C-alpha atoms as a PDB file:
ATOM      1  CA  MET A   1     106.586 -67.735 -14.506  1.00  0.00           C
ATOM      2  CA  CYS A   2     105.625 -71.417 -14.809  1.00  0.00           C
ATOM      3  CA  ALA A   3     104.418 -71.448 -11.201  1.00  0.00           C
ATOM      4  CA  LEU A   4     102.433 -68.249 -11.889  1.00  0.00           C
ATOM      5  CA  CYS A   5     100.727 -69.788 -14.924  1.00  0.00           C
ATOM      6  CA  GLY A   6      99.759 -72.843 -12.889  1.00  0.00           C
ATOM      7  CA  GLU A   7      98.339 -70.670 -10.102  1.00  0.00           C
ATOM      8  CA  LEU A   8      96.346 -68.597 -12.583  1.00  0.00           C
ATOM      9  CA  ALA A   9      94.991 -71.689 -14.336  1.00  0.00           C
ATOM     10  CA  ARG A  10      93.444 -72.831 -11.056  1.00  0.00           C
ATOM     11  CA  ALA A  11      91.930 -69.421 -10.244  1.00  0.00           C
ATOM     12  CA  ARG A  12      88.297 -68.536 -10.927  1.00  0.00           C
ATOM     13  CA  GLY A  13      86.934 -65.069 -11.585  1.00  0.00           C
ATOM     14  CA  LEU A  14      88.591 -61.955 -12.990  1.00  0.00           C
ATOM     15  CA  ASP A  15      89.181 -60.261  -9.605  1.00  0.00           C
ATOM     16  CA  THR A  16      90.957 -63.301  -8.156  1.00  0.00           C
ATOM     17  CA  THR A  17      93.147 -63.918 -11.210  1.00  0.00           C
ATOM     18  CA  LEU A  18      94.187 -60.272 -11.617  1.00  0.00           C
ATOM     19  CA  ASN A  19      95.057 -59.970  -7.912  1.00  0.00           C
ATOM     20  CA  ILE A  20      97.213 -63.108  -8.192  1.00  0.00           C
ATOM     21  CA  LEU A  21      98.870 -61.521 -11.212  1.00  0.00           C
ATOM     22  CA  ALA A  22      99.472 -58.203  -9.388  1.00  0.00           C
ATOM     23  CA  LYS A  23     101.136 -60.021  -6.489  1.00  0.00           C
ATOM     24  CA  ASN A  24     103.409 -61.961  -8.817  1.00  0.00           C
ATOM     25  CA  ILE A  25     104.255 -58.892 -10.889  1.00  0.00           C
ATOM     26  CA  THR A  26     105.421 -57.150  -7.716  1.00  0.00           C
ATOM     27  CA  GLU A  27     107.582 -60.117  -6.703  1.00  0.00           C
ATOM     28  CA  ILE A  28     108.984 -60.906 -10.164  1.00  0.00           C
ATOM     29  CA  MET A  29     109.808 -57.247 -10.887  1.00  0.00           C
ATOM     30  CA  ASP A  30     111.162 -56.821  -7.325  1.00  0.00           C
ATOM     31  CA  VAL A  31     109.305 -53.519  -6.789  1.00  0.00           C
ATOM     32  CA  LYS A  32     107.360 -51.834  -4.006  1.00  0.00           C
ATOM     33  CA  GLY A  33     103.954 -52.523  -5.520  1.00  0.00           C
ATOM     34  CA  SER A  34     101.828 -52.780  -8.636  1.00  0.00           C
ATOM     35  CA  THR A  35      98.375 -51.993  -9.961  1.00  0.00           C
ATOM     36  CA  ILE A  36      96.230 -53.224 -12.817  1.00  0.00           C
ATOM     37  CA  ARG A  37      93.696 -50.714 -14.059  1.00  0.00           C
ATOM     38  CA  LEU A  38      91.017 -51.490 -16.645  1.00  0.00           C
ATOM     39  CA  LEU A  39      89.694 -48.921 -19.080  1.00  0.00           C
ATOM     40  CA  ASP A  40      86.158 -47.730 -18.420  1.00  0.00           C
ATOM     41  CA  GLU A  41      85.322 -46.698 -21.970  1.00  0.00           C
ATOM     42  CA  LYS A  42      82.009 -45.149 -20.994  1.00  0.00           C
ATOM     43  CA  ASN A  43      83.473 -42.738 -18.427  1.00  0.00           C
ATOM     44  CA  GLN A  44      86.959 -42.514 -19.973  1.00  0.00           C
ATOM     45  CA  THR A  45      88.690 -43.467 -16.737  1.00  0.00           C
ATOM     46  CA  LEU A  46      91.077 -46.176 -15.588  1.00  0.00           C
ATOM     47  CA  GLU A  47      89.607 -48.156 -12.709  1.00  0.00           C
ATOM     48  CA  ILE A  48      91.541 -50.297 -10.238  1.00  0.00           C
ATOM     49  CA  ALA A  49      90.971 -53.995 -10.952  1.00  0.00           C
ATOM     50  CA  ALA A  50      93.840 -55.396  -8.856  1.00  0.00           C
ATOM     51  CA  ALA A  51      96.750 -54.164  -6.713  1.00  0.00           C
ATOM     52  CA  TYR A  52      99.517 -55.388  -4.439  1.00  0.00           C
ATOM     53  CA  GLY A  53     101.924 -53.709  -2.013  1.00  0.00           C
ATOM     54  CA  LEU A  54     100.078 -50.385  -1.829  1.00  0.00           C
ATOM     55  CA  SER A  55      97.885 -48.968   0.938  1.00  0.00           C
ATOM     56  CA  LYS A  56      94.104 -48.795   0.628  1.00  0.00           C
ATOM     57  CA  LYS A  57      94.335 -45.053   1.231  1.00  0.00           C
ATOM     58  CA  TYR A  58      96.584 -44.582  -1.780  1.00  0.00           C
ATOM     59  CA  LEU A  59      94.448 -46.804  -4.004  1.00  0.00           C
ATOM     60  CA  LYS A  60      91.369 -44.743  -3.086  1.00  0.00           C
ATOM     61  CA  LYS A  61      93.083 -41.388  -3.752  1.00  0.00           C
ATOM     62  CA  GLY A  62      90.895 -40.683  -6.769  1.00  0.00           C
ATOM     63  CA  PRO A  63      90.131 -41.780 -10.335  1.00  0.00           C
ATOM     64  CA  VAL A  64      92.547 -41.672 -13.248  1.00  0.00           C
ATOM     65  CA  ILE A  65      90.719 -39.472 -15.750  1.00  0.00           C
ATOM     66  CA  LEU A  66      92.318 -39.962 -19.153  1.00  0.00           C
ATOM     67  CA  LYS A  67      91.952 -36.431 -20.445  1.00  0.00           C
ATOM     68  CA  LYS A  68      93.928 -35.206 -17.411  1.00  0.00           C
ATOM     69  CA  HIS A  69      96.649 -37.825 -17.697  1.00  0.00           C
ATOM     70  CA  PRO A  70      98.758 -37.675 -20.899  1.00  0.00           C
ATOM     71  CA  VAL A  71     100.966 -40.545 -19.689  1.00  0.00           C
ATOM     72  CA  ASP A  72      98.131 -43.049 -19.785  1.00  0.00           C
ATOM     73  CA  GLN A  73      96.947 -41.674 -23.113  1.00  0.00           C
ATOM     74  CA  LYS A  74     100.353 -42.698 -24.490  1.00  0.00           C
ATOM     75  CA  VAL A  75     100.262 -46.063 -22.729  1.00  0.00           C
ATOM     76  CA  LEU A  76      96.840 -46.878 -24.187  1.00  0.00           C
ATOM     77  CA  LYS A  77      98.349 -46.263 -27.623  1.00  0.00           C
ATOM     78  CA  GLY A  78     100.782 -49.115 -26.950  1.00  0.00           C
ATOM     79  CA  LYS A  79     103.762 -47.308 -25.444  1.00  0.00           C
ATOM     80  CA  ALA A  80     105.684 -48.109 -22.256  1.00  0.00           C
ATOM     81  CA  VAL A  81     106.251 -44.988 -20.141  1.00  0.00           C
ATOM     82  CA  LYS A  82     108.775 -44.797 -17.297  1.00  0.00           C
ATOM     83  CA  THR A  83     109.235 -42.045 -14.744  1.00  0.00           C
ATOM     84  CA  LYS A  84     112.646 -42.310 -13.038  1.00  0.00           C
ATOM     85  CA  ASN A  85     111.858 -39.741 -10.336  1.00  0.00           C
ATOM     86  CA  ILE A  86     108.287 -38.533  -9.836  1.00  0.00           C
ATOM     87  CA  LEU A  87     109.550 -35.427  -7.976  1.00  0.00           C
ATOM     88  CA  LYS A  88     111.143 -34.153 -11.179  1.00  0.00           C
ATOM     89  CA  GLU A  89     108.175 -34.749 -13.497  1.00  0.00           C
ATOM     90  CA  PRO A  90     105.304 -32.254 -13.925  1.00  0.00           C
ATOM     91  CA  HIS A  91     102.845 -34.810 -15.334  1.00  0.00           C
ATOM     92  CA  VAL A  92     102.425 -36.957 -12.192  1.00  0.00           C
ATOM     93  CA  LEU A  93      98.846 -37.074 -10.919  1.00  0.00           C
ATOM     94  CA  TYR A  94      98.289 -37.162  -7.154  1.00  0.00           C
ATOM     95  CA  LEU A  95     101.927 -36.238  -6.459  1.00  0.00           C
ATOM     96  CA  GLU A  96     101.424 -35.528  -2.754  1.00  0.00           C
ATOM     97  CA  GLU A  97      99.661 -38.859  -2.241  1.00  0.00           C
ATOM     98  CA  ALA A  98     102.476 -40.659  -4.089  1.00  0.00           C
ATOM     99  CA  LYS A  99     105.116 -38.999  -1.887  1.00  0.00           C
ATOM    100  CA  LYS A 100     103.260 -40.015   1.277  1.00  0.00           C
ATOM    101  CA  GLU A 101     103.060 -43.570  -0.069  1.00  0.00           C
ATOM    102  CA  GLY A 102     106.841 -43.591  -0.511  1.00  0.00           C
ATOM    103  CA  ILE A 103     106.780 -43.942  -4.297  1.00  0.00           C
ATOM    104  CA  LYS A 104     109.777 -42.668  -6.265  1.00  0.00           C
ATOM    105  CA  SER A 105     109.650 -44.303  -9.733  1.00  0.00           C
ATOM    106  CA  VAL A 106     106.863 -45.650 -11.926  1.00  0.00           C
ATOM    107  CA  LEU A 107     106.711 -47.831 -15.040  1.00  0.00           C
ATOM    108  CA  SER A 108     103.477 -48.187 -17.025  1.00  0.00           C
ATOM    109  CA  VAL A 109     102.725 -50.581 -19.897  1.00  0.00           C
ATOM    110  CA  PRO A 110      99.496 -51.333 -21.792  1.00  0.00           C
ATOM    111  CA  LEU A 111      97.260 -54.260 -20.914  1.00  0.00           C
ATOM    112  CA  MET A 112      96.467 -55.727 -24.326  1.00  0.00           C
ATOM    113  CA  ALA A 113      93.581 -57.958 -25.395  1.00  0.00           C
ATOM    114  CA  ASP A 114      92.587 -58.805 -28.942  1.00  0.00           C
ATOM    115  CA  LYS A 115      95.269 -56.425 -30.284  1.00  0.00           C
ATOM    116  CA  ARG A 116      93.958 -53.386 -28.414  1.00  0.00           C
ATOM    117  CA  ALA A 117      94.716 -51.732 -25.085  1.00  0.00           C
ATOM    118  CA  ILE A 118      92.079 -52.404 -22.443  1.00  0.00           C
ATOM    119  CA  GLY A 119      93.962 -51.054 -19.448  1.00  0.00           C
ATOM    120  CA  VAL A 120      97.285 -50.197 -17.819  1.00  0.00           C
ATOM    121  CA  VAL A 121      99.698 -52.242 -15.705  1.00  0.00           C
ATOM    122  CA  ARG A 122     101.840 -50.117 -13.423  1.00  0.00           C
ATOM    123  CA  VAL A 123     104.748 -50.891 -11.063  1.00  0.00           C
ATOM    124  CA  TYR A 124     106.156 -48.599  -8.371  1.00  0.00           C
ATOM    125  CA  THR A 125     109.537 -48.457  -6.636  1.00  0.00           C
ATOM    126  CA  ALA A 126     110.536 -47.024  -3.243  1.00  0.00           C
ATOM    127  CA  ALA A 127     113.802 -45.572  -4.608  1.00  0.00           C
ATOM    128  CA  PRO A 128     114.560 -43.718  -7.864  1.00  0.00           C
ATOM    129  CA  HIS A 129     115.078 -46.354 -10.540  1.00  0.00           C
ATOM    130  CA  ASP A 130     115.812 -46.203 -14.275  1.00  0.00           C
ATOM    131  CA  PHE A 131     113.946 -49.189 -15.696  1.00  0.00           C
ATOM    132  CA  THR A 132     115.998 -51.130 -18.236  1.00  0.00           C
ATOM    133  CA  ALA A 133     114.825 -52.439 -21.604  1.00  0.00           C
ATOM    134  CA  GLY A 134     114.845 -55.966 -20.147  1.00  0.00           C
ATOM    135  CA  GLU A 135     112.630 -54.915 -17.240  1.00  0.00           C
ATOM    136  CA  ILE A 136     110.208 -53.192 -19.595  1.00  0.00           C
ATOM    137  CA  ASP A 137     110.026 -56.326 -21.770  1.00  0.00           C
ATOM    138  CA  ARG A 138     109.410 -58.454 -18.672  1.00  0.00           C
ATOM    139  CA  LEU A 139     106.534 -56.256 -17.537  1.00  0.00           C
ATOM    140  CA  ARG A 140     105.100 -56.247 -21.059  1.00  0.00           C
ATOM    141  CA  ALA A 141     105.128 -60.065 -21.032  1.00  0.00           C
ATOM    142  CA  LEU A 142     103.325 -60.142 -17.679  1.00  0.00           C
ATOM    143  CA  ALA A 143     100.816 -57.554 -18.926  1.00  0.00           C
ATOM    144  CA  PHE A 144     100.233 -59.729 -22.002  1.00  0.00           C
ATOM    145  CA  LEU A 145      99.309 -62.560 -19.659  1.00  0.00           C
ATOM    146  CA  GLY A 146      96.932 -60.199 -17.857  1.00  0.00           C
ATOM    147  CA  GLY A 147      95.313 -59.342 -21.162  1.00  0.00           C
ATOM    148  CA  ILE A 148      94.688 -63.032 -21.871  1.00  0.00           C
ATOM    149  CA  LEU A 149      93.057 -63.394 -18.442  1.00  0.00           C
ATOM    150  CA  ALA A 150      90.883 -60.320 -18.941  1.00  0.00           C
ATOM    151  CA  ASP A 151      89.857 -61.583 -22.377  1.00  0.00           C
ATOM    152  CA  ARG A 152      88.960 -64.970 -20.906  1.00  0.00           C
ATOM    153  CA  ALA A 153      86.793 -63.245 -18.293  1.00  0.00           C
ATOM    154  CA  ARG A 154      85.141 -61.182 -21.043  1.00  0.00           C
ATOM    155  CA  ILE A 155      84.253 -64.340 -22.959  1.00  0.00           C
ATOM    156  CA  TRP A 156      82.691 -65.846 -19.827  1.00  0.00           C
ATOM    157  CA  ASP A 157      80.712 -62.641 -19.249  1.00  0.00           C
ATOM    158  CA  GLU A 158      79.456 -62.738 -22.828  1.00  0.00           C
ATOM    159  CA  MET A 159      78.435 -66.392 -22.495  1.00  0.00           C
ATOM    160  CA  ARG A 160      76.564 -65.659 -19.260  1.00  0.00           C
ATOM    161  CA  ALA A 161      74.789 -62.717 -20.896  1.00  0.00           C
ATOM    162  CA  LEU A 162      73.698 -64.852 -23.860  1.00  0.00           C
ATOM    163  CA  ILE A 163      72.510 -67.680 -21.585  1.00  0.00           C
ATOM    164  CA  LYS A 164      70.546 -65.225 -19.442  1.00  0.00           C
ATOM    165  CA  ILE A 165      68.820 -63.710 -22.461  1.00  0.00           C
ATOM    166  CA  SER A 166      68.108 -67.146 -23.971  1.00  0.00           C
ATOM    167  CA  GLN A 167      66.453 -68.204 -20.725  1.00  0.00           C
ATOM    168  CA  SER A 168      64.370 -65.031 -20.694  1.00  0.00           C
ATOM    169  CA  ILE A 169      63.212 -65.576 -24.261  1.00  0.00           C
ATOM    170  CA  SER A 170      62.065 -69.093 -23.397  1.00  0.00           C
ATOM    171  CA  SER A 171      60.397 -68.077 -20.120  1.00  0.00           C
ATOM    172  CA  THR A 172      58.597 -64.827 -20.968  1.00  0.00           C
ATOM    173  CA  LEU A 173      56.565 -63.392 -23.799  1.00  0.00           C
ATOM    174  CA  SER A 174      57.294 -59.834 -22.697  1.00  0.00           C
ATOM    175  CA  LEU A 175      59.031 -58.366 -25.726  1.00  0.00           C
ATOM    176  CA  GLU A 176      59.740 -55.101 -23.890  1.00  0.00           C
ATOM    177  CA  LYS A 177      61.541 -56.948 -21.078  1.00  0.00           C
ATOM    178  CA  VAL A 178      63.716 -59.031 -23.406  1.00  0.00           C
ATOM    179  CA  LEU A 179      64.708 -56.120 -25.651  1.00  0.00           C
ATOM    180  CA  GLN A 180      65.610 -53.986 -22.621  1.00  0.00           C
ATOM    181  CA  MET A 181      67.740 -56.838 -21.299  1.00  0.00           C
ATOM    182  CA  ILE A 182      69.530 -57.085 -24.644  1.00  0.00           C
ATOM    183  CA  VAL A 183      70.468 -53.394 -24.839  1.00  0.00           C
ATOM    184  CA  GLU A 184      71.632 -53.321 -21.206  1.00  0.00           C
ATOM    185  CA  ASN A 185      73.777 -56.439 -21.628  1.00  0.00           C
ATOM    186  CA  ALA A 186      75.204 -55.177 -24.914  1.00  0.00           C
ATOM    187  CA  ALA A 187      76.456 -51.959 -23.315  1.00  0.00           C
ATOM    188  CA  LYS A 188      77.424 -53.287 -19.877  1.00  0.00           C
ATOM    189  CA  THR A 189      79.209 -56.449 -20.988  1.00  0.00           C
ATOM    190  CA  LEU A 190      81.431 -54.560 -23.428  1.00  0.00           C
ATOM    191  CA  GLY A 191      81.710 -51.447 -21.250  1.00  0.00           C
ATOM    192  CA  MET A 192      80.209 -49.188 -23.912  1.00  0.00           C
ATOM    193  CA  ARG A 193      78.458 -45.828 -23.524  1.00  0.00           C
ATOM    194  CA  ALA A 194      74.975 -46.806 -24.675  1.00  0.00           C
ATOM    195  CA  SER A 195      72.833 -49.103 -26.789  1.00  0.00           C
ATOM    196  CA  SER A 196      69.460 -49.075 -28.512  1.00  0.00           C
ATOM    197  CA  ILE A 197      67.102 -51.245 -30.547  1.00  0.00           C
ATOM    198  CA  ARG A 198      64.953 -49.690 -33.255  1.00  0.00           C
ATOM    199  CA  LEU A 199      62.364 -51.586 -35.280  1.00  0.00           C
ATOM    200  CA  LEU A 200      61.414 -50.800 -38.841  1.00  0.00           C
ATOM    201  CA  ASP A 201      57.987 -49.332 -39.573  1.00  0.00           C
ATOM    202  CA  GLU A 202      57.721 -50.160 -43.262  1.00  0.00           C
ATOM    203  CA  GLU A 203      54.608 -48.035 -43.845  1.00  0.00           C
ATOM    204  CA  LYS A 204      56.201 -44.874 -42.430  1.00  0.00           C
ATOM    205  CA  GLY A 205      59.716 -45.717 -43.577  1.00  0.00           C
ATOM    206  CA  THR A 206      61.091 -45.017 -40.089  1.00  0.00           C
ATOM    207  CA  LEU A 207      63.024 -46.798 -37.335  1.00  0.00           C
ATOM    208  CA  GLU A 208      61.204 -46.577 -33.994  1.00  0.00           C
ATOM    209  CA  VAL A 209      62.936 -46.900 -30.600  1.00  0.00           C
ATOM    210  CA  LYS A 210      61.785 -50.009 -28.718  1.00  0.00           C
ATOM    211  CA  ALA A 211      64.542 -50.222 -26.085  1.00  0.00           C
ATOM    212  CA  ALA A 212      67.471 -48.038 -25.038  1.00  0.00           C
ATOM    213  CA  TYR A 213      70.178 -47.890 -22.398  1.00  0.00           C
ATOM    214  CA  GLY A 214      72.514 -44.984 -21.558  1.00  0.00           C
ATOM    215  CA  LEU A 215      70.831 -42.411 -23.812  1.00  0.00           C
ATOM    216  CA  SER A 216      69.116 -39.233 -22.627  1.00  0.00           C
ATOM    217  CA  ARG A 217      65.400 -38.653 -23.134  1.00  0.00           C
ATOM    218  CA  ALA A 218      66.221 -35.526 -25.148  1.00  0.00           C
ATOM    219  CA  TYR A 219      68.291 -37.561 -27.585  1.00  0.00           C
ATOM    220  CA  LEU A 220      65.697 -40.316 -27.917  1.00  0.00           C
ATOM    221  CA  GLU A 221      63.002 -37.726 -28.606  1.00  0.00           C
ATOM    222  CA  LYS A 222      65.050 -35.758 -31.163  1.00  0.00           C
ATOM    223  CA  GLY A 223      62.844 -37.019 -33.977  1.00  0.00           C
ATOM    224  CA  PRO A 224      62.176 -40.158 -36.015  1.00  0.00           C
ATOM    225  CA  ILE A 225      64.961 -41.824 -37.971  1.00  0.00           C
ATOM    226  CA  GLU A 226      63.771 -41.699 -41.556  1.00  0.00           C
ATOM    227  CA  VAL A 227      65.439 -44.489 -43.490  1.00  0.00           C
ATOM    228  CA  ALA A 228      65.464 -42.382 -46.658  1.00  0.00           C
ATOM    229  CA  LYS A 229      67.549 -39.712 -44.851  1.00  0.00           C
ATOM    230  CA  SER A 230      69.897 -42.119 -43.038  1.00  0.00           C
ATOM    231  CA  PRO A 231      72.381 -43.873 -45.373  1.00  0.00           C
ATOM    232  CA  ILE A 232      73.947 -45.777 -42.474  1.00  0.00           C
ATOM    233  CA  ASP A 233      70.569 -47.356 -41.630  1.00  0.00           C
ATOM    234  CA  ARG A 234      69.735 -48.111 -45.263  1.00  0.00           C
ATOM    235  CA  GLU A 235      73.013 -50.018 -45.459  1.00  0.00           C
ATOM    236  CA  CYS A 236      72.338 -51.861 -42.184  1.00  0.00           C
ATOM    237  CA  LEU A 237      68.820 -52.819 -43.309  1.00  0.00           C
ATOM    238  CA  LYS A 238      70.472 -54.623 -46.227  1.00  0.00           C
ATOM    239  CA  CYS A 239      71.631 -57.096 -43.554  1.00  0.00           C
ATOM    240  CA  LYS A 240      75.116 -55.589 -43.179  1.00  0.00           C
ATOM    241  CA  VAL A 241      77.059 -54.698 -40.030  1.00  0.00           C
ATOM    242  CA  VAL A 242      77.920 -51.023 -40.338  1.00  0.00           C
ATOM    243  CA  SER A 243      80.396 -49.030 -38.246  1.00  0.00           C
ATOM    244  CA  ALA A 244      81.154 -45.342 -37.872  1.00  0.00           C
ATOM    245  CA  PRO A 245      84.513 -45.216 -36.010  1.00  0.00           C
ATOM    246  CA  ASP A 246      84.458 -41.411 -35.798  1.00  0.00           C
ATOM    247  CA  ILE A 247      81.094 -39.642 -36.002  1.00  0.00           C
ATOM    248  CA  ARG A 248      82.756 -36.288 -36.727  1.00  0.00           C
ATOM    249  CA  LYS A 249      84.106 -37.646 -40.013  1.00  0.00           C
ATOM    250  CA  ASP A 250      81.009 -39.595 -41.066  1.00  0.00           C
ATOM    251  CA  LYS A 251      78.371 -38.073 -43.362  1.00  0.00           C
ATOM    252  CA  ARG A 252      75.894 -40.975 -43.280  1.00  0.00           C
ATOM    253  CA  LEU A 253      73.877 -39.936 -40.199  1.00  0.00           C
ATOM    254  CA  GLN A 254      70.567 -38.102 -40.158  1.00  0.00           C
ATOM    255  CA  TYR A 255      71.218 -36.293 -36.854  1.00  0.00           C
ATOM    256  CA  PRO A 256      75.014 -35.726 -36.641  1.00  0.00           C
ATOM    257  CA  ASP A 257      74.819 -32.602 -34.434  1.00  0.00           C
ATOM    258  CA  GLU A 258      72.424 -34.198 -31.936  1.00  0.00           C
ATOM    259  CA  ILE A 259      74.527 -37.342 -31.623  1.00  0.00           C
ATOM    260  CA  ILE A 260      77.699 -35.317 -30.975  1.00  0.00           C
ATOM    261  CA  ARG A 261      75.887 -33.217 -28.346  1.00  0.00           C
ATOM    262  CA  GLU A 262      74.923 -36.487 -26.655  1.00  0.00           C
ATOM    263  CA  GLY A 263      78.639 -37.167 -26.220  1.00  0.00           C
ATOM    264  CA  ILE A 264      78.758 -40.011 -28.738  1.00  0.00           C
ATOM    265  CA  MET A 265      81.850 -40.312 -30.907  1.00  0.00           C
ATOM    266  CA  SER A 266      81.378 -43.667 -32.657  1.00  0.00           C
ATOM    267  CA  LEU A 267      78.718 -46.310 -33.258  1.00  0.00           C
ATOM    268  CA  LEU A 268      78.126 -49.781 -34.603  1.00  0.00           C
ATOM    269  CA  SER A 269      74.845 -50.898 -36.206  1.00  0.00           C
ATOM    270  CA  LEU A 270      73.814 -54.525 -36.578  1.00  0.00           C
ATOM    271  CA  PRO A 271      70.698 -55.769 -38.398  1.00  0.00           C
ATOM    272  CA  LEU A 272      67.951 -57.705 -36.613  1.00  0.00           C
ATOM    273  CA  THR A 273      67.054 -60.309 -39.203  1.00  0.00           C
ATOM    274  CA  VAL A 274      64.162 -62.747 -39.518  1.00  0.00           C
ATOM    275  CA  ARG A 275      64.275 -65.258 -42.371  1.00  0.00           C
ATOM    276  CA  GLY A 276      66.914 -63.218 -44.199  1.00  0.00           C
ATOM    277  CA  LYS A 277      65.068 -59.892 -43.895  1.00  0.00           C
ATOM    278  CA  ALA A 278      66.104 -57.008 -41.625  1.00  0.00           C
ATOM    279  CA  ILE A 279      63.294 -55.890 -39.301  1.00  0.00           C
ATOM    280  CA  GLY A 280      65.306 -53.472 -37.182  1.00  0.00           C
ATOM    281  CA  VAL A 281      68.686 -52.351 -35.907  1.00  0.00           C
ATOM    282  CA  LEU A 282      70.749 -52.989 -32.766  1.00  0.00           C
ATOM    283  CA  ARG A 283      73.101 -50.045 -32.201  1.00  0.00           C
ATOM    284  CA  LEU A 284      76.057 -49.582 -29.847  1.00  0.00           C
ATOM    285  CA  TYR A 285      77.525 -46.181 -28.996  1.00  0.00           C
ATOM    286  CA  THR A 286      80.891 -45.129 -27.530  1.00  0.00           C
ATOM    287  CA  SER A 287      82.047 -41.816 -26.075  1.00  0.00           C
ATOM    288  CA  VAL A 288      85.378 -41.819 -27.959  1.00  0.00           C
ATOM    289  CA  PRO A 289      86.370 -42.638 -31.549  1.00  0.00           C
ATOM    290  CA  TYR A 290      86.486 -46.418 -31.551  1.00  0.00           C
ATOM    291  CA  THR A 291      86.900 -49.411 -33.859  1.00  0.00           C
ATOM    292  CA  PHE A 292      84.989 -52.479 -32.704  1.00  0.00           C
ATOM    293  CA  SER A 293      86.940 -55.742 -32.664  1.00  0.00           C
ATOM    294  CA  GLU A 294      85.845 -58.926 -34.431  1.00  0.00           C
ATOM    295  CA  SER A 295      85.091 -60.633 -31.105  1.00  0.00           C
ATOM    296  CA  GLU A 296      82.896 -57.711 -30.017  1.00  0.00           C
ATOM    297  CA  ILE A 297      81.019 -57.802 -33.326  1.00  0.00           C
ATOM    298  CA  ASP A 298      80.537 -61.577 -32.961  1.00  0.00           C
ATOM    299  CA  PHE A 299      79.035 -61.126 -29.474  1.00  0.00           C
ATOM    300  CA  LEU A 300      76.765 -58.296 -30.617  1.00  0.00           C
ATOM    301  CA  SER A 301      75.681 -60.309 -33.657  1.00  0.00           C
ATOM    302  CA  ALA A 302      74.611 -63.094 -31.289  1.00  0.00           C
ATOM    303  CA  LEU A 303      72.637 -60.552 -29.240  1.00  0.00           C
ATOM    304  CA  ALA A 304      71.021 -59.201 -32.409  1.00  0.00           C
ATOM    305  CA  CYS A 305      70.021 -62.768 -33.310  1.00  0.00           C
ATOM    306  CA  GLN A 306      68.488 -63.202 -29.848  1.00  0.00           C
ATOM    307  CA  GLY A 307      66.591 -59.940 -30.298  1.00  0.00           C
ATOM    308  CA  ALA A 308      65.219 -61.044 -33.650  1.00  0.00           C
ATOM    309  CA  ILE A 309      64.064 -64.360 -32.135  1.00  0.00           C
ATOM    310  CA  ALA A 310      62.320 -62.532 -29.286  1.00  0.00           C
ATOM    311  CA  ILE A 311      60.583 -60.177 -31.703  1.00  0.00           C
ATOM    312  CA  GLU A 312      59.468 -63.042 -33.921  1.00  0.00           C
ATOM    313  CA  ASN A 313      58.163 -65.007 -30.904  1.00  0.00           C
ATOM    314  CA  ALA A 314      56.213 -61.985 -29.685  1.00  0.00           C
ATOM    315  CA  ARG A 315      54.721 -61.370 -33.114  1.00  0.00           C
ATOM    316  CA  LEU A 316      53.736 -65.026 -33.497  1.00  0.00           C
ATOM    317  CA  PHE A 317      52.123 -64.938 -30.055  1.00  0.00           C
ATOM    318  CA  GLU A 318      50.150 -61.816 -30.980  1.00  0.00           C
ATOM    319  CA  HIS A 319      49.097 -63.477 -34.232  1.00  0.00           C
ATOM    320  CA  ILE A 320      47.933 -66.610 -32.343  1.00  0.00           C
ATOM    321  CA  LYS A 321      45.981 -64.440 -29.872  1.00  0.00           C
ATOM    322  CA  THR A 322      44.272 -62.654 -32.740  1.00  0.00           C
ATOM    323  CA  GLU A 323      43.484 -65.923 -34.490  1.00  0.00           C
ATOM    324  CA  TYR A 324      42.103 -67.352 -31.242  1.00  0.00           C
ATOM    325  CA  LYS A 325      39.864 -64.318 -30.690  1.00  0.00           C
ATOM    326  CA  ASP A 326      38.573 -64.535 -34.256  1.00  0.00           C
ATOM    327  CA  LEU A 327      37.914 -68.265 -33.905  1.00  0.00           C
ATOM    328  CA  THR A 328      36.136 -67.756 -30.580  1.00  0.00           C
ATOM    329  CA  ARG A 329      33.921 -65.073 -32.104  1.00  0.00           C
ATOM    330  CA  ASP A 330      33.061 -67.299 -35.063  1.00  0.00           C
ATOM    331  CA  VAL A 331      32.224 -70.264 -32.799  1.00  0.00           C
ATOM    332  CA  TRP A 332      29.920 -68.149 -30.667  1.00  0.00           C
ATOM    333  CA  LYS A 333      28.192 -66.867 -33.786  1.00  0.00           C
ATOM    334  CA  TRP A 334      27.849 -70.449 -35.035  1.00  0.00           C
ATOM    335  CA  TYR A 335      26.155 -71.398 -31.747  1.00  0.00           C
ATOM    336  CA  ASP A 336      23.993 -68.247 -31.952  1.00  0.00           C
ATOM    337  CA  TRP A 337      25.904 -66.797 -28.959  1.00  0.00           C
ATOM    338  CA  GLY A 338      25.248 -69.877 -26.822  1.00  0.00           C
ATOM    339  CA  THR A 339      21.412 -69.785 -26.925  1.00  0.00           C
ATOM    340  CA  HIS A 340      20.903 -72.630 -29.454  1.00  0.00           C
ATOM    341  CA  PHE A 341      22.668 -75.724 -30.657  1.00  0.00           C
ATOM    342  CA  PRO A 342      24.265 -75.305 -34.072  1.00  0.00           C
ATOM    343  CA  LYS A 343      22.221 -76.258 -37.107  1.00  0.00           C
ATOM    344  CA  ILE A 344      23.801 -79.072 -39.037  1.00  0.00           C
END
């Protein structure tokens, strides 16, 4: 384990570190092979992030779709699940492929990060094997290490996203471009379903879409969000971070039926603030009931701050352009539109 930690400390990049971990899991557990799958929250699948000891053909057999796999549903709730003999269990996905691969037993444990499951670590044996409590604890400890690595990679991804957006804000005055970059990075970096930015129109009392990612045109065109009819937005515009972990149980939304038809099950709203006043809302959406972690909220708050800066810069630039045009017009009038010198 000490040698493994040293090897991982020298590694760079999530793919490299997780593949080193998969190799060591296989050797430490003395099994046929292992896989590390990360949760794709948007598509509700488990995607291969690293593997060792298994053929490429087996690894490409097909996706693990959560709704079709009750075992991984249990694992993602924090449980360790062992299958002593896959031939005697009805729940095994891709049974024929597993038999051809020579797999007999499987043990799955959650990959944890920030106190929540972000994936599944699985080991496979070539002979029927009843995993002991000690073996399960050992795999849990290795999976815990994997969670730390994945969390470290997430932090680096978040830092890169923030740096990229900061550079864009300082290099372009295109508000549309910056806001679109923010919503895309918000959703992609955290692996969420969708994201949007809406700005407040104080005269109309509505929130207007200025950038969106992962949402259908039909949903975006469902109608204006009227602040008076949307308690969740009224609360957010008081400069509060507001979450709705399960849309089906939340009565604060103006369009609950439309949002459920869009396949959205939870959301988080963060205020875009300028000098202590909310001018809009950054919103993240997930396709399953979900509680955002503190680290995710911190990252999104930083993005919301970047969005507010971009909006303020764009507004100041527009104000300067207007002032310049007015000044130019006045100067030309003063010079009688260039035909005479000014009278002093």
